[in-house]
Amino acid sequence: MQLGHRLGRAIAWNILAAGSTAGANLVAAVILANILGRDVFGELGIVQSTIMSVGGIAQLATGLAATKYVAEYRLERKESAGEVLGLCAAATALTGAFGAIVLYLSAKVVATSVLGAPELVESMGLASGVVLFLTMNGFQAGALAGLENYRSIAIISASHAVLHVSICAASGWMGGLRGVLIGLIVSSAVRWVLFNAALRKEARRQGIEISMKRLGSEAKVVATFATPAALAGMSALLATWAGNAILVRQESGIGQMGLYAAANSLRGIVLFLPALVNNVGVSVINNFYGSRHLGGYRAAFWGNFWVTCVSLLMGAPILLLFGEPVLRAFGRDFIEAVPLLRVVFFSALLEGLSVAAYQIVLSRARIWTALYVISLPRDCLIVGLAWLLVPKSGALGLALSQAMSYAVALLLTLWLASNIGFGTETLDNTKIRGNA
């Protein structure tokens, strides 16, 4: 199959999948902002940030690892692909359960001592239920992407989007913040059931047996990729959560968090196309890498990079022109978030370019190096700048701290990618073929 057709078909399905998810999240956010009001919506924002942080850490980057190694192995090393799937499935079940238990047991400490919001104790306890399914869903989506079964991801995402909005709206109207969190547990559980069935069906179709018999056989996936990727993800999530916590602890911090959550929800408009392009890019680039096709590898990387650039420019005018009207839909209390939009746009632009350049680092599994060179400096900078800027500027200070940190991260990513390069005749000292 020609590279252009292969990428185009995958991206088309990914547009449906990502559009359904992003659209459902945005519609749900608008509905809930009107139902809950700015302060309670701010409480939901910090609880969701906590869910994403704990769930992301618990996932141990298994979704990304599954995408890379299943894509790399699925054609010529099917047994290894099945063992990677088995290893990642077992890991996420255990770590998801552990993360949920830890959050449940620490709910009082997190709410009262860390956030200074004792009214959130029950909400943090309920949030633990979402963590388990969020962790396992991340792996399953990554595995389906590695198998290049974007059609199933799209169909599930589209059908689930309607259910998600309905559940969130009904549960928020009936039960407030507590109802919303119960609704999120139900919604994420349904998503897990659908993804699990699709993954098992597609693995069978491609002749791959998901095996947990030899979990140690692919230990290098954990040692060289999943562990540093998990640490990088943990660092990013903790930095984001710490910035949010600094904001919440300020005077009128809950209200400011509501403004930031509303503005940041529009970030997805800019990153919508770049995210789905790079999701496809991970599987296609690494599939060429596994087959040792230097020509296809180069073409896939540069095609992914330039399409990302174009897609970022497509999302920018939408945010700048229609961001304010969308914020008005959240309610009149959210108009104060308008000054955040330009900063959010700039930050998203920098992040999208960084992700595209990072494909070189990812495909060559230089994740330990990236952890020290890119992730830790960026995340320490986010927290440090938030500590300085948030007390003076509130939500705008938090947005500025992220934008400046992503600017530094982009420069570091470009530097590292240029140093790794493609190689000329070989990839990692293995003879390769020159054509896709």
Protein backbone atom coordinates (compact mmCIF):
# COMPACT_ATOMS: atom_id res chain seq x y z
CA MET A 1 0.00 0.00 0.00
CA GLN A 2 1.35 3.44 -0.96
CA LEU A 3 2.48 5.59 1.97
CA GLY A 4 0.18 8.48 1.06
CA HIS A 5 -2.91 6.28 0.88
CA ARG A 6 -1.93 4.47 4.06
CA LEU A 7 -1.45 7.70 6.00
CA GLY A 8 -4.54 9.29 4.48
CA ARG A 9 -6.84 6.43 5.38
CA ALA A 10 -5.48 6.22 8.92
CA ILE A 11 -5.74 9.98 9.43
CA ALA A 12 -9.31 10.01 8.12
CA TRP A 13 -10.38 7.42 10.68
CA ASN A 14 -8.40 9.25 13.35
CA ILE A 15 -10.21 12.48 12.52
CA LEU A 16 -13.48 10.76 13.29
CA ALA A 17 -12.11 9.24 16.50
CA ALA A 18 -10.40 12.36 17.83
CA GLY A 19 -13.21 14.63 16.66
CA SER A 20 -15.77 12.53 18.46
CA THR A 21 -13.77 12.48 21.69
CA ALA A 22 -12.73 16.13 21.63
CA GLY A 23 -16.21 17.24 20.60
CA ALA A 24 -17.84 15.18 23.33
CA ASN A 25 -15.45 16.55 25.95
CA LEU A 26 -16.04 20.14 24.84
CA VAL A 27 -19.83 19.78 24.70
CA ALA A 28 -19.84 18.07 28.09
CA ALA A 29 -17.65 20.84 29.53
CA VAL A 30 -19.98 23.57 28.23
CA ILE A 31 -23.06 21.81 29.59
CA LEU A 32 -21.46 21.15 32.97
CA ALA A 33 -20.12 24.71 33.25
CA ASN A 34 -23.67 26.02 32.85
CA ILE A 35 -25.09 23.46 35.28
CA LEU A 36 -22.40 23.68 37.97
CA GLY A 37 -21.32 27.33 37.81
CA ARG A 38 -17.76 28.67 37.78
CA ASP A 39 -16.64 27.62 41.27
CA VAL A 40 -17.95 24.05 41.16
CA PHE A 41 -16.68 23.74 37.58
CA GLY A 42 -13.29 24.79 38.95
CA GLU A 43 -13.54 22.02 41.54
CA LEU A 44 -14.28 19.57 38.72
CA GLY A 45 -11.25 20.94 36.88
CA ILE A 46 -8.80 20.17 39.69
CA VAL A 47 -10.38 16.75 40.30
CA GLN A 48 -10.04 15.88 36.60
CA SER A 49 -6.45 17.12 36.67
CA THR A 50 -5.82 14.75 39.58
CA ILE A 51 -7.46 11.86 37.68
CA MET A 52 -5.31 12.52 34.61
CA SER A 53 -2.16 12.77 36.72
CA VAL A 54 -2.70 9.58 38.73
CA GLY A 55 -4.05 7.67 35.72
CA GLY A 56 -1.20 8.81 33.51
CA ILE A 57 1.38 7.76 36.08
CA ALA A 58 -0.34 4.41 36.66
CA GLN A 59 -0.40 3.72 32.93
CA LEU A 60 3.42 3.56 32.89
CA ALA A 61 3.43 4.65 29.22
CA THR A 62 2.09 1.24 28.21
CA GLY A 63 -0.15 2.81 25.56
CA LEU A 64 2.82 4.41 23.82
CA ALA A 65 4.96 1.29 24.28
CA ALA A 66 2.21 -0.88 22.79
CA THR A 67 1.86 1.43 19.78
CA LYS A 68 5.59 1.46 19.06
CA TYR A 69 6.47 -2.20 19.59
CA VAL A 70 3.28 -3.77 18.22
CA ALA A 71 3.69 -1.64 15.08
CA GLU A 72 7.35 -2.68 14.87
CA TYR A 73 6.77 -6.41 15.47
CA ARG A 74 3.33 -7.22 14.04
CA LEU A 75 4.44 -8.19 10.52
CA GLU A 76 7.63 -10.19 11.07
CA ARG A 77 7.61 -11.04 14.80
CA LYS A 78 4.00 -11.86 15.66
CA GLU A 79 4.86 -13.85 18.77
CA SER A 80 6.81 -10.91 20.18
CA ALA A 81 3.89 -8.60 19.38
CA GLY A 82 1.55 -10.87 21.36
CA GLU A 83 3.95 -10.96 24.29
CA VAL A 84 4.17 -7.15 24.33
CA LEU A 85 0.37 -6.97 24.39
CA GLY A 86 0.20 -9.48 27.23
CA LEU A 87 2.87 -7.68 29.22
CA CYS A 88 1.19 -4.28 28.81
CA ALA A 89 -2.28 -5.65 29.61
CA ALA A 90 -1.05 -7.28 32.84
CA ALA A 91 0.90 -4.18 33.85
CA THR A 92 -2.00 -1.76 33.37
CA ALA A 93 -4.45 -3.97 35.28
CA LEU A 94 -2.09 -4.03 38.26
CA THR A 95 -0.94 -0.42 38.17
CA GLY A 96 -4.43 0.89 37.44
CA ALA A 97 -5.79 -0.90 40.50
CA PHE A 98 -2.84 0.30 42.59
CA GLY A 99 -3.29 3.91 41.47
CA ALA A 100 -7.00 3.80 42.24
CA ILE A 101 -6.38 2.43 45.73
CA VAL A 102 -3.67 4.98 46.50
CA LEU A 103 -5.88 7.89 45.41
CA TYR A 104 -8.83 6.56 47.42
CA LEU A 105 -6.75 6.16 50.58
CA SER A 106 -5.03 9.53 50.20
CA ALA A 107 -8.16 11.50 49.20
CA LYS A 108 -8.37 13.33 52.54
CA VAL A 109 -4.69 14.28 52.57
CA VAL A 110 -4.75 15.48 48.95
CA ALA A 111 -7.92 17.53 49.39
CA THR A 112 -7.17 19.10 52.77
CA SER A 113 -3.41 19.31 53.17
CA VAL A 114 -2.26 19.71 49.55
CA LEU A 115 -5.12 21.62 47.92
CA GLY A 116 -6.54 23.31 51.00
CA ALA A 117 -10.04 22.29 49.87
CA PRO A 118 -11.55 19.86 52.41
CA GLU A 119 -14.87 19.96 50.55
CA LEU A 120 -13.21 17.84 47.83
CA VAL A 121 -12.51 14.77 50.00
CA GLU A 122 -15.49 12.79 48.71
CA SER A 123 -14.83 13.88 45.12
CA MET A 124 -11.22 12.67 45.28
CA GLY A 125 -12.43 9.32 46.60
CA LEU A 126 -14.87 8.94 43.72
CA ALA A 127 -12.18 9.98 41.25
CA SER A 128 -10.25 6.81 42.09
CA GLY A 129 -12.89 4.78 40.24
CA VAL A 130 -12.15 6.65 37.02
CA VAL A 131 -8.39 6.07 37.39
CA LEU A 132 -8.63 2.28 36.97
CA PHE A 133 -10.50 2.40 33.66
CA LEU A 134 -8.53 5.40 32.37
CA THR A 135 -5.30 3.45 32.83
CA MET A 136 -6.50 0.35 30.97
CA ASN A 137 -8.22 2.37 28.22
CA GLY A 138 -4.95 4.15 27.42
CA PHE A 139 -3.19 0.84 26.80
CA GLN A 140 -6.00 -0.59 24.67
CA ALA A 141 -6.21 2.47 22.43
CA GLY A 142 -2.42 2.41 22.00
CA ALA A 143 -2.49 -1.29 21.13
CA LEU A 144 -5.18 -0.79 18.48
CA ALA A 145 -3.11 2.04 17.01
CA GLY A 146 -0.07 -0.26 16.86
CA LEU A 147 -2.21 -2.74 14.93
CA GLU A 148 -3.26 0.18 12.67
CA ASN A 149 -6.91 -0.59 13.37
CA TYR A 150 -7.99 3.03 13.43
CA ARG A 151 -11.40 2.08 12.08
CA SER A 152 -12.37 0.38 15.34
CA ILE A 153 -11.00 3.26 17.41
CA ALA A 154 -13.09 5.68 15.36
CA ILE A 155 -16.32 3.68 15.53
CA ILE A 156 -15.99 3.13 19.28
CA SER A 157 -15.10 6.79 19.91
CA ALA A 158 -18.01 8.08 17.85
CA SER A 159 -20.59 5.80 19.48
CA HIS A 160 -19.18 6.42 22.94
CA ALA A 161 -19.19 10.22 22.48
CA VAL A 162 -22.98 10.41 22.46
CA LEU A 163 -23.17 8.22 25.55
CA HIS A 164 -20.49 10.25 27.34
CA VAL A 165 -22.25 13.59 26.85
CA SER A 166 -25.61 12.12 27.85
CA ILE A 167 -24.23 10.53 31.01
CA CYS A 168 -22.30 13.65 32.08
CA ALA A 169 -25.23 16.00 31.46
CA ALA A 170 -27.78 13.79 33.24
CA SER A 171 -25.52 12.96 36.18
CA GLY A 172 -24.46 16.60 36.60
CA TRP A 173 -28.04 17.84 36.53
CA MET A 174 -29.19 15.23 39.05
CA GLY A 175 -26.21 15.00 41.38
CA GLY A 176 -23.91 17.98 40.91
CA LEU A 177 -20.17 17.30 41.16
CA ARG A 178 -20.71 13.95 42.86
CA GLY A 179 -23.08 12.89 40.09
CA VAL A 180 -20.62 13.91 37.38
CA LEU A 181 -17.87 11.76 38.88
CA ILE A 182 -20.16 8.74 39.13
CA GLY A 183 -21.11 9.36 35.50
CA LEU A 184 -17.42 9.44 34.52
CA ILE A 185 -16.89 6.04 36.15
CA VAL A 186 -19.76 4.55 34.16
CA SER A 187 -18.65 6.20 30.92
CA SER A 188 -15.02 5.03 31.23
CA ALA A 189 -16.14 1.49 32.14
CA VAL A 190 -18.25 1.24 28.98
CA ARG A 191 -15.32 2.51 26.91
CA TRP A 192 -13.09 -0.21 28.41
CA VAL A 193 -15.55 -2.97 27.47
CA LEU A 194 -15.76 -1.75 23.87
CA PHE A 195 -11.99 -1.34 23.43
CA ASN A 196 -11.24 -4.72 25.00
CA ALA A 197 -13.54 -6.55 22.59
CA ALA A 198 -12.11 -4.69 19.57
CA LEU A 199 -8.50 -5.37 20.57
CA ARG A 200 -8.98 -9.10 20.99
CA LYS A 201 -10.85 -9.36 17.69
CA GLU A 202 -8.19 -7.45 15.72
CA ALA A 203 -5.30 -9.38 17.28
CA ARG A 204 -6.92 -12.66 16.21
CA ARG A 205 -7.51 -11.30 12.71
CA GLN A 206 -3.82 -10.49 12.32
CA GLY A 207 -2.73 -13.85 13.71
CA ILE A 208 -1.38 -12.43 16.98
CA GLU A 209 -2.01 -14.28 20.23
CA ILE A 210 -2.10 -12.04 23.29
CA SER A 211 0.07 -14.03 25.68
CA MET A 212 0.90 -13.63 29.36
CA LYS A 213 2.86 -16.91 29.58
CA ARG A 214 6.30 -15.31 29.15
CA LEU A 215 5.96 -11.84 30.60
CA GLY A 216 9.72 -11.53 31.06
CA SER A 217 10.55 -12.25 27.41
CA GLU A 218 10.04 -8.64 26.40
CA ALA A 219 11.67 -7.14 29.48
CA LYS A 220 13.69 -4.77 27.28
CA VAL A 221 10.44 -2.98 26.41
CA VAL A 222 10.12 -2.13 30.08
CA ALA A 223 13.80 -1.38 30.71
CA THR A 224 14.62 0.73 27.66
CA PHE A 225 11.28 2.27 26.75
CA ALA A 226 8.34 1.94 29.13
CA THR A 227 10.22 2.89 32.31
CA PRO A 228 11.80 6.13 31.05
CA ALA A 229 8.62 7.00 29.13
CA ALA A 230 6.60 6.44 32.29
CA LEU A 231 8.98 8.63 34.28
CA ALA A 232 8.72 11.35 31.63
CA GLY A 233 4.94 11.10 31.68
CA MET A 234 4.95 11.16 35.48
CA SER A 235 7.12 14.25 35.47
CA ALA A 236 4.84 16.06 33.01
CA LEU A 237 1.66 15.12 34.83
CA LEU A 238 3.03 16.06 38.24
CA ALA A 239 4.27 19.38 36.89
CA THR A 240 0.86 20.14 35.40
CA TRP A 241 -0.91 19.10 38.58
CA ALA A 242 1.51 21.09 40.74
CA GLY A 243 0.86 24.20 38.65
CA ASN A 244 -2.88 23.68 39.04
CA ALA A 245 -2.47 23.13 42.78
CA ILE A 246 -0.50 26.37 43.11
CA LEU A 247 -3.36 28.18 41.36
CA VAL A 248 -6.08 26.57 43.50
CA ARG A 249 -4.30 27.55 46.73
CA GLN A 250 -4.43 31.26 45.87
CA GLU A 251 -7.18 33.57 47.05
CA SER A 252 -10.17 33.00 44.70
CA GLY A 253 -8.10 30.11 43.32
CA ILE A 254 -11.06 27.81 42.65
CA GLY A 255 -12.69 30.47 40.45
CA GLN A 256 -9.40 31.09 38.64
CA MET A 257 -9.10 27.34 38.09
CA GLY A 258 -12.53 27.42 36.47
CA LEU A 259 -11.33 30.12 34.04
CA TYR A 260 -8.15 28.19 33.27
CA ALA A 261 -10.04 24.92 32.75
CA ALA A 262 -12.41 26.63 30.32
CA ALA A 263 -9.64 28.28 28.29
CA ASN A 264 -7.48 25.16 28.34
CA SER A 265 -10.38 23.04 27.05
CA LEU A 266 -10.08 25.04 23.81
CA ARG A 267 -6.42 24.02 23.53
CA GLY A 268 -7.70 20.86 21.89
CA ILE A 269 -8.88 22.92 18.89
CA VAL A 270 -5.27 23.74 17.98
CA LEU A 271 -3.92 20.29 18.87
CA PHE A 272 -6.81 18.33 17.39
CA LEU A 273 -5.33 17.57 13.94
CA PRO A 274 -1.66 17.46 15.08
CA ALA A 275 -2.51 14.92 17.78
CA LEU A 276 -4.25 12.54 15.42
CA VAL A 277 -1.57 12.95 12.74
CA ASN A 278 1.16 12.06 15.23
CA ASN A 279 -0.88 9.18 16.63
CA VAL A 280 -0.87 7.68 13.15
CA GLY A 281 2.76 8.69 12.71
CA VAL A 282 3.92 6.63 15.68
CA SER A 283 2.57 3.38 14.24
CA VAL A 284 3.57 4.01 10.61
CA ILE A 285 7.07 5.35 11.33
CA ASN A 286 7.84 2.48 13.71
CA ASN A 287 6.39 -0.08 11.30
CA PHE A 288 8.91 1.09 8.67
CA TYR A 289 11.61 1.09 11.32
CA GLY A 290 10.79 -2.53 12.24
CA SER A 291 10.93 -3.53 8.56
CA ARG A 292 14.24 -1.64 8.13
CA HIS A 293 12.98 0.49 5.24
CA LEU A 294 15.10 3.64 5.40
CA GLY A 295 13.27 5.31 2.51
CA GLY A 296 9.85 4.70 4.04
CA TYR A 297 11.13 5.68 7.47
CA ARG A 298 12.39 9.04 6.22
CA ALA A 299 9.30 9.70 4.12
CA ALA A 300 6.97 8.84 6.98
CA PHE A 301 8.84 11.09 9.44
CA TRP A 302 9.01 14.15 7.19
CA GLY A 303 5.48 13.61 5.94
CA ASN A 304 4.29 13.48 9.54
CA PHE A 305 6.31 16.58 10.47
CA TRP A 306 5.06 18.82 7.64
CA VAL A 307 1.47 17.65 7.92
CA THR A 308 1.68 18.50 11.63
CA CYS A 309 2.89 22.01 10.78
CA VAL A 310 0.05 22.55 8.32
CA SER A 311 -2.54 21.17 10.74
CA LEU A 312 -1.33 23.51 13.49
CA LEU A 313 -1.85 26.47 11.18
CA MET A 314 -5.35 25.22 10.36
CA GLY A 315 -6.37 25.10 14.02
CA ALA A 316 -4.96 28.50 14.97
CA PRO A 317 -7.49 30.75 13.17
CA ILE A 318 -10.38 28.72 14.59
CA LEU A 319 -9.23 29.33 18.14
CA LEU A 320 -8.41 33.01 17.64
CA LEU A 321 -11.62 33.83 15.74
CA PHE A 322 -14.14 31.66 17.56
CA GLY A 323 -12.55 31.22 20.98
CA GLU A 324 -14.41 34.10 22.59
CA PRO A 325 -17.88 33.03 21.35
CA VAL A 326 -17.20 29.51 22.59
CA LEU A 327 -16.17 30.84 26.00
CA ARG A 328 -19.44 32.77 26.15
CA ALA A 329 -21.22 29.46 25.76
CA PHE A 330 -19.65 28.37 29.07
CA GLY A 331 -21.54 31.19 30.78
CA ARG A 332 -21.02 34.88 31.44
CA ASP A 333 -18.71 34.14 34.39
CA PHE A 334 -16.15 32.71 31.96
CA ILE A 335 -15.65 35.79 29.73
CA GLU A 336 -12.69 36.73 31.94
CA ALA A 337 -10.82 33.81 30.36
CA VAL A 338 -10.59 35.56 26.96
CA PRO A 339 -7.06 37.02 27.62
CA LEU A 340 -5.82 33.46 28.17
CA LEU A 341 -6.66 32.35 24.64
CA ARG A 342 -3.62 33.80 22.86
CA VAL A 343 -1.28 32.33 25.45
CA VAL A 344 -3.03 28.95 25.23
CA PHE A 345 -2.73 29.08 21.41
CA PHE A 346 1.01 29.81 21.55
CA SER A 347 1.61 27.05 24.07
CA ALA A 348 -0.33 24.53 21.95
CA LEU A 349 1.61 25.53 18.83
CA LEU A 350 4.93 24.88 20.56
CA GLU A 351 3.70 21.57 21.98
CA GLY A 352 2.51 20.33 18.58
CA LEU A 353 5.87 21.06 16.94
CA SER A 354 7.71 19.34 19.80
CA VAL A 355 5.64 16.18 19.44
CA ALA A 356 6.34 15.98 15.69
CA ALA A 357 10.09 16.38 16.16
CA TYR A 358 10.04 13.88 19.04
CA GLN A 359 9.13 11.07 16.61
CA ILE A 360 12.84 10.61 15.84
CA VAL A 361 13.63 10.20 19.53
CA LEU A 362 10.68 7.84 20.00
CA SER A 363 11.39 5.57 17.05
CA ARG A 364 15.05 5.14 18.06
CA ALA A 365 14.01 4.45 21.69
CA ARG A 366 16.26 7.18 23.11
CA ILE A 367 13.78 7.77 25.90
CA TRP A 368 16.26 7.78 28.80
CA THR A 369 18.20 10.57 27.10
CA ALA A 370 15.01 12.51 26.38
CA LEU A 371 13.97 12.21 30.03
CA TYR A 372 17.06 14.08 31.19
CA VAL A 373 17.45 16.44 28.25
CA ILE A 374 13.82 17.42 27.57
CA SER A 375 11.24 16.25 30.10
CA LEU A 376 12.81 17.11 33.45
CA PRO A 377 14.07 20.59 32.45
CA ARG A 378 10.67 21.46 30.93
CA ASP A 379 8.66 20.26 33.90
CA CYS A 380 10.88 21.85 36.55
CA LEU A 381 10.55 25.10 34.61
CA ILE A 382 6.74 24.84 34.57
CA VAL A 383 6.57 24.50 38.35
CA GLY A 384 9.19 27.17 39.00
CA LEU A 385 7.55 29.72 36.73
CA ALA A 386 4.10 28.91 38.12
CA TRP A 387 5.43 29.52 41.63
CA LEU A 388 6.63 32.96 40.53
CA LEU A 389 3.83 34.04 38.17
CA VAL A 390 0.59 32.57 39.55
CA PRO A 391 0.47 34.62 42.80
CA LYS A 392 0.66 37.82 40.72
CA SER A 393 -1.32 36.89 37.62
CA GLY A 394 -3.57 33.94 38.55
CA ALA A 395 -4.71 31.77 35.66
CA LEU A 396 -2.82 33.93 33.14
CA GLY A 397 0.40 33.29 35.08
CA LEU A 398 -0.16 29.54 34.88
CA ALA A 399 -0.79 29.73 31.13
CA LEU A 400 2.39 31.81 30.64
CA SER A 401 4.47 29.35 32.66
CA GLN A 402 3.40 26.51 30.38
CA ALA A 403 3.99 28.50 27.19
CA MET A 404 7.52 29.50 28.17
CA SER A 405 8.38 25.97 29.28
CA TYR A 406 7.17 24.47 26.00
CA ALA A 407 9.30 26.98 24.09
CA VAL A 408 12.38 25.67 25.88
CA ALA A 409 11.23 22.07 25.34
CA LEU A 410 10.87 22.63 21.57
CA LEU A 411 14.44 23.89 21.30
CA LEU A 412 15.76 20.94 23.31
CA THR A 413 13.74 18.44 21.24
CA LEU A 414 15.02 19.84 17.94
CA TRP A 415 18.58 19.71 19.26
CA LEU A 416 18.29 16.09 20.41
CA ALA A 417 16.52 14.93 17.22
CA SER A 418 19.18 16.55 15.05
CA ASN A 419 21.91 14.79 17.03
CA ILE A 420 20.23 11.40 16.69
CA GLY A 421 19.50 11.85 12.97
CA PHE A 422 18.44 9.10 10.57
CA GLY A 423 21.70 7.37 9.83
CA THR A 424 22.76 6.98 6.20
CA GLU A 425 22.95 3.29 5.32
CA THR A 426 21.85 1.57 8.48
CA LEU A 427 19.49 2.02 11.37
CA ASP A 428 21.06 0.93 14.66
CA ASN A 429 23.72 -1.07 12.73
CA THR A 430 21.12 -3.28 11.04
CA LYS A 431 21.09 -3.54 7.26
CA ILE A 432 17.93 -2.08 5.80
CA ARG A 433 16.14 -1.81 2.49
CA GLY A 434 15.90 1.53 0.75
CA ASN A 435 12.35 1.56 -0.54
CA ALA A 436 9.00 1.70 1.21
